[in-house]
Amino acid sequence: DRADFEKKWNDIKIVIEYGMLSEDKFFEK
């Protein structure tokens, strides 16, 4: 459900962005 994921983005982005920054494997995924 991409539309729902987009609605939640502002609430979860800090975790995802921090993960991309700190974990190379997570960055790839």
PDB file of all heavy atoms in Angstrom:
ATOM      1  N   ASP A   1       0.866  -1.191   0.000  1.00  0.00           N
ATOM      2  CA  ASP A   1       0.000   0.000   0.000  1.00  0.00           C
ATOM      3  C   ASP A   1       0.895   1.231   0.000  1.00  0.00           C
ATOM      4  O   ASP A   1       1.161   1.822   1.041  1.00  0.00           O
ATOM      5  CB  ASP A   1      -0.915  -0.019   1.230  1.00  0.00           C
ATOM      6  CG  ASP A   1      -2.004   1.046   1.155  1.00  0.00           C
ATOM      7  OD1 ASP A   1      -1.853   2.005   0.373  1.00  0.00           O
ATOM      8  OD2 ASP A   1      -3.004   0.932   1.905  1.00  0.00           O
ATOM      9  N   ARG A   2       1.321   1.627  -1.190  1.00  0.00           N
ATOM     10  CA  ARG A   2       2.257   2.743  -1.290  1.00  0.00           C
ATOM     11  C   ARG A   2       1.640   4.040  -0.760  1.00  0.00           C
ATOM     12  O   ARG A   2       2.323   4.826  -0.091  1.00  0.00           O
ATOM     13  CB  ARG A   2       2.720   2.920  -2.728  1.00  0.00           C
ATOM     14  CG  ARG A   2       3.603   4.155  -2.893  1.00  0.00           C
ATOM     15  CD  ARG A   2       4.402   4.144  -4.142  1.00  0.00           C
ATOM     16  NE  ARG A   2       5.168   5.387  -4.270  1.00  0.00           N
ATOM     17  CZ  ARG A   2       6.151   5.557  -5.136  1.00  0.00           C
ATOM     18  NH1 ARG A   2       6.500   4.566  -5.945  1.00  0.00           N
ATOM     19  NH2 ARG A   2       6.796   6.709  -5.201  1.00  0.00           N
ATOM     20  N   ALA A   3       0.372   4.250  -1.040  1.00  0.00           N
ATOM     21  CA  ALA A   3      -0.272   5.494  -0.600  1.00  0.00           C
ATOM     22  C   ALA A   3      -0.236   5.604   0.931  1.00  0.00           C
ATOM     23  O   ALA A   3       0.042   6.673   1.486  1.00  0.00           O
ATOM     24  CB  ALA A   3      -1.704   5.554  -1.111  1.00  0.00           C
ATOM     25  N   ASP A   4      -0.505   4.498   1.609  1.00  0.00           N
ATOM     26  CA  ASP A   4      -0.478   4.514   3.076  1.00  0.00           C
ATOM     27  C   ASP A   4       0.943   4.702   3.580  1.00  0.00           C
ATOM     28  O   ASP A   4       1.178   5.401   4.580  1.00  0.00           O
ATOM     29  CB  ASP A   4      -1.058   3.195   3.606  1.00  0.00           C
ATOM     30  CG  ASP A   4      -1.176   3.193   5.121  1.00  0.00           C
ATOM     31  OD1 ASP A   4      -1.865   4.071   5.668  1.00  0.00           O
ATOM     32  OD2 ASP A   4      -0.540   2.326   5.767  1.00  0.00           O
ATOM     33  N   PHE A   5       1.912   4.085   2.895  1.00  0.00           N
ATOM     34  CA  PHE A   5       3.324   4.230   3.266  1.00  0.00           C
ATOM     35  C   PHE A   5       3.758   5.694   3.157  1.00  0.00           C
ATOM     36  O   PHE A   5       4.474   6.213   4.018  1.00  0.00           O
ATOM     37  CB  PHE A   5       4.183   3.348   2.355  1.00  0.00           C
ATOM     38  CG  PHE A   5       5.616   3.189   2.805  1.00  0.00           C
ATOM     39  CD1 PHE A   5       5.970   2.267   3.774  1.00  0.00           C
ATOM     40  CD2 PHE A   5       6.618   3.981   2.242  1.00  0.00           C
ATOM     41  CE1 PHE A   5       7.295   2.127   4.185  1.00  0.00           C
ATOM     42  CE2 PHE A   5       7.932   3.852   2.638  1.00  0.00           C
ATOM     43  CZ  PHE A   5       8.281   2.909   3.608  1.00  0.00           C
ATOM     44  N   GLU A   6       3.291   6.362   2.102  1.00  0.00           N
ATOM     45  CA  GLU A   6       3.626   7.776   1.921  1.00  0.00           C
ATOM     46  C   GLU A   6       3.036   8.629   3.048  1.00  0.00           C
ATOM     47  O   GLU A   6       3.669   9.568   3.530  1.00  0.00           O
ATOM     48  CB  GLU A   6       3.125   8.261   0.556  1.00  0.00           C
ATOM     49  CG  GLU A   6       3.926   7.692  -0.605  1.00  0.00           C
ATOM     50  CD  GLU A   6       3.406   8.136  -1.965  1.00  0.00           C
ATOM     51  OE1 GLU A   6       2.394   8.892  -2.008  1.00  0.00           O
ATOM     52  OE2 GLU A   6       3.981   7.739  -2.995  1.00  0.00           O
ATOM     53  N   LYS A   7       1.815   8.270   3.471  1.00  0.00           N
ATOM     54  CA  LYS A   7       1.184   9.015   4.573  1.00  0.00           C
ATOM     55  C   LYS A   7       2.007   8.884   5.866  1.00  0.00           C
ATOM     56  O   LYS A   7       2.063   9.803   6.675  1.00  0.00           O
ATOM     57  CB  LYS A   7      -0.234   8.486   4.826  1.00  0.00           C
ATOM     58  CG  LYS A   7      -1.259   8.955   3.816  1.00  0.00           C
ATOM     59  CD  LYS A   7      -2.618   8.357   4.171  1.00  0.00           C
ATOM     60  CE  LYS A   7      -3.619   8.604   3.055  1.00  0.00           C
ATOM     61  NZ  LYS A   7      -4.894   7.893   3.317  1.00  0.00           N
ATOM     62  N   LYS A   8       2.607   7.729   6.057  1.00  0.00           N
ATOM     63  CA  LYS A   8       3.369   7.465   7.290  1.00  0.00           C
ATOM     64  C   LYS A   8       4.814   7.944   7.199  1.00  0.00           C
ATOM     65  O   LYS A   8       5.545   7.874   8.191  1.00  0.00           O
ATOM     66  CB  LYS A   8       3.360   5.960   7.586  1.00  0.00           C
ATOM     67  CG  LYS A   8       1.997   5.435   7.995  1.00  0.00           C
ATOM     68  CD  LYS A   8       2.008   3.910   8.124  1.00  0.00           C
ATOM     69  CE  LYS A   8       0.639   3.409   8.601  1.00  0.00           C
ATOM     70  NZ  LYS A   8       0.549   1.941   8.532  1.00  0.00           N
ATOM     71  N   TRP A   9       5.227   8.411   6.018  1.00  0.00           N
ATOM     72  CA  TRP A   9       6.644   8.692   5.802  1.00  0.00           C
ATOM     73  C   TRP A   9       7.231   9.648   6.840  1.00  0.00           C
ATOM     74  O   TRP A   9       8.295   9.407   7.391  1.00  0.00           O
ATOM     75  CB  TRP A   9       6.874   9.241   4.384  1.00  0.00           C
ATOM     76  CG  TRP A   9       8.324   9.568   4.162  1.00  0.00           C
ATOM     77  CD1 TRP A   9       8.887  10.804   4.074  1.00  0.00           C
ATOM     78  CD2 TRP A   9       9.405   8.632   4.048  1.00  0.00           C
ATOM     79  NE1 TRP A   9      10.243  10.703   3.901  1.00  0.00           N
ATOM     80  CE2 TRP A   9      10.594   9.387   3.882  1.00  0.00           C
ATOM     81  CE3 TRP A   9       9.490   7.247   4.068  1.00  0.00           C
ATOM     82  CZ2 TRP A   9      11.835   8.786   3.737  1.00  0.00           C
ATOM     83  CZ3 TRP A   9      10.736   6.648   3.928  1.00  0.00           C
ATOM     84  CH2 TRP A   9      11.896   7.411   3.768  1.00  0.00           C
ATOM     85  N   ASN A  10       6.546  10.737   7.110  1.00  0.00           N
ATOM     86  CA  ASN A  10       7.096  11.720   8.057  1.00  0.00           C
ATOM     87  C   ASN A  10       7.264  11.154   9.460  1.00  0.00           C
ATOM     88  O   ASN A  10       8.076  11.659  10.236  1.00  0.00           O
ATOM     89  CB  ASN A  10       6.212  12.971   8.103  1.00  0.00           C
ATOM     90  CG  ASN A  10       6.498  13.884   6.926  1.00  0.00           C
ATOM     91  OD1 ASN A  10       7.579  13.867   6.352  1.00  0.00           O
ATOM     92  ND2 ASN A  10       5.502  14.672   6.542  1.00  0.00           N
ATOM     93  N   ASP A  11       6.498  10.115   9.797  1.00  0.00           N
ATOM     94  CA  ASP A  11       6.603   9.503  11.127  1.00  0.00           C
ATOM     95  C   ASP A  11       7.710   8.454  11.210  1.00  0.00           C
ATOM     96  O   ASP A  11       8.139   8.099  12.311  1.00  0.00           O
ATOM     97  CB  ASP A  11       5.273   8.848  11.515  1.00  0.00           C
ATOM     98  CG  ASP A  11       4.178   9.881  11.743  1.00  0.00           C
ATOM     99  OD1 ASP A  11       4.437  10.842  12.482  1.00  0.00           O
ATOM    100  OD2 ASP A  11       3.080   9.728  11.187  1.00  0.00           O
ATOM    101  N   ILE A  12       8.150   7.940  10.082  1.00  0.00           N
ATOM    102  CA  ILE A  12       9.146   6.850  10.117  1.00  0.00           C
ATOM    103  C   ILE A  12      10.463   7.220   9.434  1.00  0.00           C
ATOM    104  O   ILE A  12      11.448   6.488   9.548  1.00  0.00           O
ATOM    105  CB  ILE A  12       8.585   5.559   9.461  1.00  0.00           C
ATOM    106  CG1 ILE A  12       8.272   5.792   7.975  1.00  0.00           C
ATOM    107  CG2 ILE A  12       7.365   5.066  10.209  1.00  0.00           C
ATOM    108  CD1 ILE A  12       7.809   4.542   7.230  1.00  0.00           C
ATOM    109  N   LYS A  13      10.498   8.372   8.759  1.00  0.00           N
ATOM    110  CA  LYS A  13      11.667   8.671   7.928  1.00  0.00           C
ATOM    111  C   LYS A  13      12.946   8.784   8.733  1.00  0.00           C
ATOM    112  O   LYS A  13      14.025   8.419   8.245  1.00  0.00           O
ATOM    113  CB  LYS A  13      11.435   9.958   7.123  1.00  0.00           C
ATOM    114  CG  LYS A  13      11.324  11.225   7.976  1.00  0.00           C
ATOM    115  CD  LYS A  13      11.022  12.441   7.111  1.00  0.00           C
ATOM    116  CE  LYS A  13      10.849  13.686   7.959  1.00  0.00           C
ATOM    117  NZ  LYS A  13      10.450  14.855   7.160  1.00  0.00           N
ATOM    118  N   ILE A  14      12.875   9.265   9.974  1.00  0.00           N
ATOM    119  CA  ILE A  14      14.095   9.479  10.741  1.00  0.00           C
ATOM    120  C   ILE A  14      14.815   8.156  10.982  1.00  0.00           C
ATOM    121  O   ILE A  14      16.044   8.078  10.946  1.00  0.00           O
ATOM    122  CB  ILE A  14      13.795  10.216  12.073  1.00  0.00           C
ATOM    123  CG1 ILE A  14      15.082  10.744  12.704  1.00  0.00           C
ATOM    124  CG2 ILE A  14      13.033   9.365  13.036  1.00  0.00           C
ATOM    125  CD1 ILE A  14      15.649  11.936  12.010  1.00  0.00           C
ATOM    126  N   VAL A  15      14.053   7.076  11.192  1.00  0.00           N
ATOM    127  CA  VAL A  15      14.652   5.749  11.391  1.00  0.00           C
ATOM    128  C   VAL A  15      15.279   5.257  10.092  1.00  0.00           C
ATOM    129  O   VAL A  15      16.408   4.763  10.069  1.00  0.00           O
ATOM    130  CB  VAL A  15      13.596   4.739  11.886  1.00  0.00           C
ATOM    131  CG1 VAL A  15      14.190   3.330  11.953  1.00  0.00           C
ATOM    132  CG2 VAL A  15      13.072   5.146  13.251  1.00  0.00           C
ATOM    133  N   ILE A  16      14.533   5.405   9.002  1.00  0.00           N
ATOM    134  CA  ILE A  16      15.016   4.901   7.705  1.00  0.00           C
ATOM    135  C   ILE A  16      16.251   5.677   7.265  1.00  0.00           C
ATOM    136  O   ILE A  16      17.257   5.091   6.833  1.00  0.00           O
ATOM    137  CB  ILE A  16      13.890   4.975   6.648  1.00  0.00           C
ATOM    138  CG1 ILE A  16      12.753   4.026   7.055  1.00  0.00           C
ATOM    139  CG2 ILE A  16      14.428   4.620   5.264  1.00  0.00           C
ATOM    140  CD1 ILE A  16      11.505   4.154   6.206  1.00  0.00           C
ATOM    141  N   GLU A  17      16.205   6.999   7.389  1.00  0.00           N
ATOM    142  CA  GLU A  17      17.350   7.812   6.959  1.00  0.00           C
ATOM    143  C   GLU A  17      18.578   7.541   7.831  1.00  0.00           C
ATOM    144  O   GLU A  17      19.704   7.469   7.323  1.00  0.00           O
ATOM    145  CB  GLU A  17      16.962   9.284   6.997  1.00  0.00           C
ATOM    146  CG  GLU A  17      15.961   9.651   5.906  1.00  0.00           C
ATOM    147  CD  GLU A  17      15.401  11.070   6.038  1.00  0.00           C
ATOM    148  OE1 GLU A  17      15.664  11.722   7.068  1.00  0.00           O
ATOM    149  OE2 GLU A  17      14.691  11.507   5.114  1.00  0.00           O
ATOM    150  N   TYR A  18      18.370   7.375   9.124  1.00  0.00           N
ATOM    151  CA  TYR A  18      19.488   7.067  10.019  1.00  0.00           C
ATOM    152  C   TYR A  18      20.066   5.690   9.694  1.00  0.00           C
ATOM    153  O   TYR A  18      21.279   5.478   9.705  1.00  0.00           O
ATOM    154  CB  TYR A  18      19.002   7.136  11.470  1.00  0.00           C
ATOM    155  CG  TYR A  18      20.099   7.099  12.512  1.00  0.00           C
ATOM    156  CD1 TYR A  18      21.439   7.316  12.186  1.00  0.00           C
ATOM    157  CD2 TYR A  18      19.801   6.848  13.846  1.00  0.00           C
ATOM    158  CE1 TYR A  18      22.425   7.287  13.152  1.00  0.00           C
ATOM    159  CE2 TYR A  18      20.784   6.811  14.823  1.00  0.00           C
ATOM    160  CZ  TYR A  18      22.088   7.028  14.460  1.00  0.00           C
ATOM    161  OH  TYR A  18      23.071   6.985  15.410  1.00  0.00           O
ATOM    162  N   GLY A  19      19.177   4.745   9.367  1.00  0.00           N
ATOM    163  CA  GLY A  19      19.632   3.405   8.978  1.00  0.00           C
ATOM    164  C   GLY A  19      20.442   3.426   7.699  1.00  0.00           C
ATOM    165  O   GLY A  19      21.478   2.759   7.574  1.00  0.00           O
ATOM    166  N   MET A  20      19.980   4.219   6.732  1.00  0.00           N
ATOM    167  CA  MET A  20      20.725   4.332   5.468  1.00  0.00           C
ATOM    168  C   MET A  20      22.111   4.920   5.700  1.00  0.00           C
ATOM    169  O   MET A  20      23.085   4.550   5.038  1.00  0.00           O
ATOM    170  CB  MET A  20      19.941   5.214   4.491  1.00  0.00           C
ATOM    171  CG  MET A  20      18.657   4.592   3.988  1.00  0.00           C
ATOM    172  SD  MET A  20      17.649   5.765   3.050  1.00  0.00           S
ATOM    173  CE  MET A  20      18.681   6.025   1.599  1.00  0.00           C
ATOM    174  N   LEU A  21      22.176   5.844   6.633  1.00  0.00           N
ATOM    175  CA  LEU A  21      23.442   6.506   6.926  1.00  0.00           C
ATOM    176  C   LEU A  21      24.413   5.594   7.666  1.00  0.00           C
ATOM    177  O   LEU A  21      25.614   5.598   7.393  1.00  0.00           O
ATOM    178  CB  LEU A  21      23.166   7.758   7.769  1.00  0.00           C
ATOM    179  CG  LEU A  21      24.369   8.602   8.187  1.00  0.00           C
ATOM    180  CD1 LEU A  21      25.078   9.177   6.967  1.00  0.00           C
ATOM    181  CD2 LEU A  21      23.914   9.729   9.106  1.00  0.00           C
ATOM    182  N   SER A  22      23.887   4.761   8.575  1.00  0.00           N
ATOM    183  CA  SER A  22      24.768   4.024   9.484  1.00  0.00           C
ATOM    184  C   SER A  22      25.003   2.565   9.116  1.00  0.00           C
ATOM    185  O   SER A  22      25.957   1.952   9.591  1.00  0.00           O
ATOM    186  CB  SER A  22      24.211   4.094  10.921  1.00  0.00           C
ATOM    187  OG  SER A  22      22.891   3.575  10.968  1.00  0.00           O
ATOM    188  N   GLU A  23      24.134   1.979   8.290  1.00  0.00           N
ATOM    189  CA  GLU A  23      24.253   0.546   7.965  1.00  0.00           C
ATOM    190  C   GLU A  23      24.267   0.364   6.447  1.00  0.00           C
ATOM    191  O   GLU A  23      23.254   0.596   5.782  1.00  0.00           O
ATOM    192  CB  GLU A  23      23.078  -0.235   8.567  1.00  0.00           C
ATOM    193  CG  GLU A  23      22.986  -0.183  10.079  1.00  0.00           C
ATOM    194  CD  GLU A  23      23.860  -1.218  10.744  1.00  0.00           C
ATOM    195  OE1 GLU A  23      24.209  -2.226  10.092  1.00  0.00           O
ATOM    196  OE2 GLU A  23      24.213  -1.029  11.921  1.00  0.00           O
ATOM    197  N   ASP A  24      25.385  -0.075   5.898  1.00  0.00           N
ATOM    198  CA  ASP A  24      25.511  -0.211   4.438  1.00  0.00           C
ATOM    199  C   ASP A  24      24.491  -1.183   3.849  1.00  0.00           C
ATOM    200  O   ASP A  24      23.923  -0.926   2.779  1.00  0.00           O
ATOM    201  CB  ASP A  24      26.927  -0.655   4.072  1.00  0.00           C
ATOM    202  CG  ASP A  24      27.943   0.456   4.273  1.00  0.00           C
ATOM    203  OD1 ASP A  24      27.514   1.623   4.321  1.00  0.00           O
ATOM    204  OD2 ASP A  24      29.140   0.166   4.411  1.00  0.00           O
ATOM    205  N   LYS A  25      24.255  -2.301   4.536  1.00  0.00           N
ATOM    206  CA  LYS A  25      23.304  -3.288   4.001  1.00  0.00           C
ATOM    207  C   LYS A  25      21.887  -2.717   3.992  1.00  0.00           C
ATOM    208  O   LYS A  25      21.102  -2.977   3.078  1.00  0.00           O
ATOM    209  CB  LYS A  25      23.360  -4.577   4.825  1.00  0.00           C
ATOM    210  CG  LYS A  25      24.634  -5.380   4.569  1.00  0.00           C
ATOM    211  CD  LYS A  25      24.639  -6.689   5.329  1.00  0.00           C
ATOM    212  CE  LYS A  25      25.908  -7.473   5.030  1.00  0.00           C
ATOM    213  NZ  LYS A  25      25.983  -8.726   5.813  1.00  0.00           N
ATOM    214  N   PHE A  26      21.564  -1.950   5.023  1.00  0.00           N
ATOM    215  CA  PHE A  26      20.245  -1.325   5.061  1.00  0.00           C
ATOM    216  C   PHE A  26      20.144  -0.267   3.966  1.00  0.00           C
ATOM    217  O   PHE A  26      19.080  -0.119   3.344  1.00  0.00           O
ATOM    218  CB  PHE A  26      19.994  -0.700   6.447  1.00  0.00           C
ATOM    219  CG  PHE A  26      18.593  -0.198   6.621  1.00  0.00           C
ATOM    220  CD1 PHE A  26      17.562  -1.054   6.972  1.00  0.00           C
ATOM    221  CD2 PHE A  26      18.292   1.148   6.418  1.00  0.00           C
ATOM    222  CE1 PHE A  26      16.256  -0.586   7.121  1.00  0.00           C
ATOM    223  CE2 PHE A  26      16.998   1.624   6.568  1.00  0.00           C
ATOM    224  CZ  PHE A  26      15.979   0.754   6.918  1.00  0.00           C
ATOM    225  N   PHE A  27      21.226   0.450   3.723  1.00  0.00           N
ATOM    226  CA  PHE A  27      21.237   1.454   2.649  1.00  0.00           C
ATOM    227  C   PHE A  27      20.863   0.804   1.316  1.00  0.00           C
ATOM    228  O   PHE A  27      20.059   1.342   0.550  1.00  0.00           O
ATOM    229  CB  PHE A  27      22.619   2.096   2.558  1.00  0.00           C
ATOM    230  CG  PHE A  27      22.739   3.158   1.500  1.00  0.00           C
ATOM    231  CD1 PHE A  27      22.463   4.488   1.788  1.00  0.00           C
ATOM    232  CD2 PHE A  27      23.124   2.830   0.193  1.00  0.00           C
ATOM    233  CE1 PHE A  27      22.558   5.471   0.796  1.00  0.00           C
ATOM    234  CE2 PHE A  27      23.221   3.798  -0.792  1.00  0.00           C
ATOM    235  CZ  PHE A  27      22.943   5.121  -0.485  1.00  0.00           C
ATOM    236  N   GLU A  28      21.455  -0.360   1.044  1.00  0.00           N
ATOM    237  CA  GLU A  28      21.170  -1.066  -0.221  1.00  0.00           C
ATOM    238  C   GLU A  28      19.696  -1.452  -0.301  1.00  0.00           C
ATOM    239  O   GLU A  28      19.029  -1.237  -1.319  1.00  0.00           O
ATOM    240  CB  GLU A  28      22.043  -2.309  -0.325  1.00  0.00           C
ATOM    241  CG  GLU A  28      23.527  -2.011  -0.507  1.00  0.00           C
ATOM    242  CD  GLU A  28      24.379  -3.257  -0.388  1.00  0.00           C
ATOM    243  OE1 GLU A  28      23.836  -4.379  -0.556  1.00  0.00           O
ATOM    244  OE2 GLU A  28      25.591  -3.131  -0.100  1.00  0.00           O
ATOM    245  N   LYS A  29      19.180  -2.039   0.784  1.00  0.00           N
ATOM    246  CA  LYS A  29      17.790  -2.498   0.773  1.00  0.00           C
ATOM    247  C   LYS A  29      16.817  -1.326   0.698  1.00  0.00           C
ATOM    248  O   LYS A  29      15.739  -1.424   0.110  1.00  0.00           O
ATOM    249  CB  LYS A  29      17.507  -3.350   2.015  1.00  0.00           C
ATOM    250  CG  LYS A  29      18.161  -4.731   1.984  1.00  0.00           C
ATOM    251  CD  LYS A  29      17.836  -5.527   3.231  1.00  0.00           C
ATOM    252  CE  LYS A  29      18.353  -6.951   3.120  1.00  0.00           C
ATOM    253  NZ  LYS A  29      17.594  -7.767   2.161  1.00  0.00           N
TER     254      LYS A  29
END
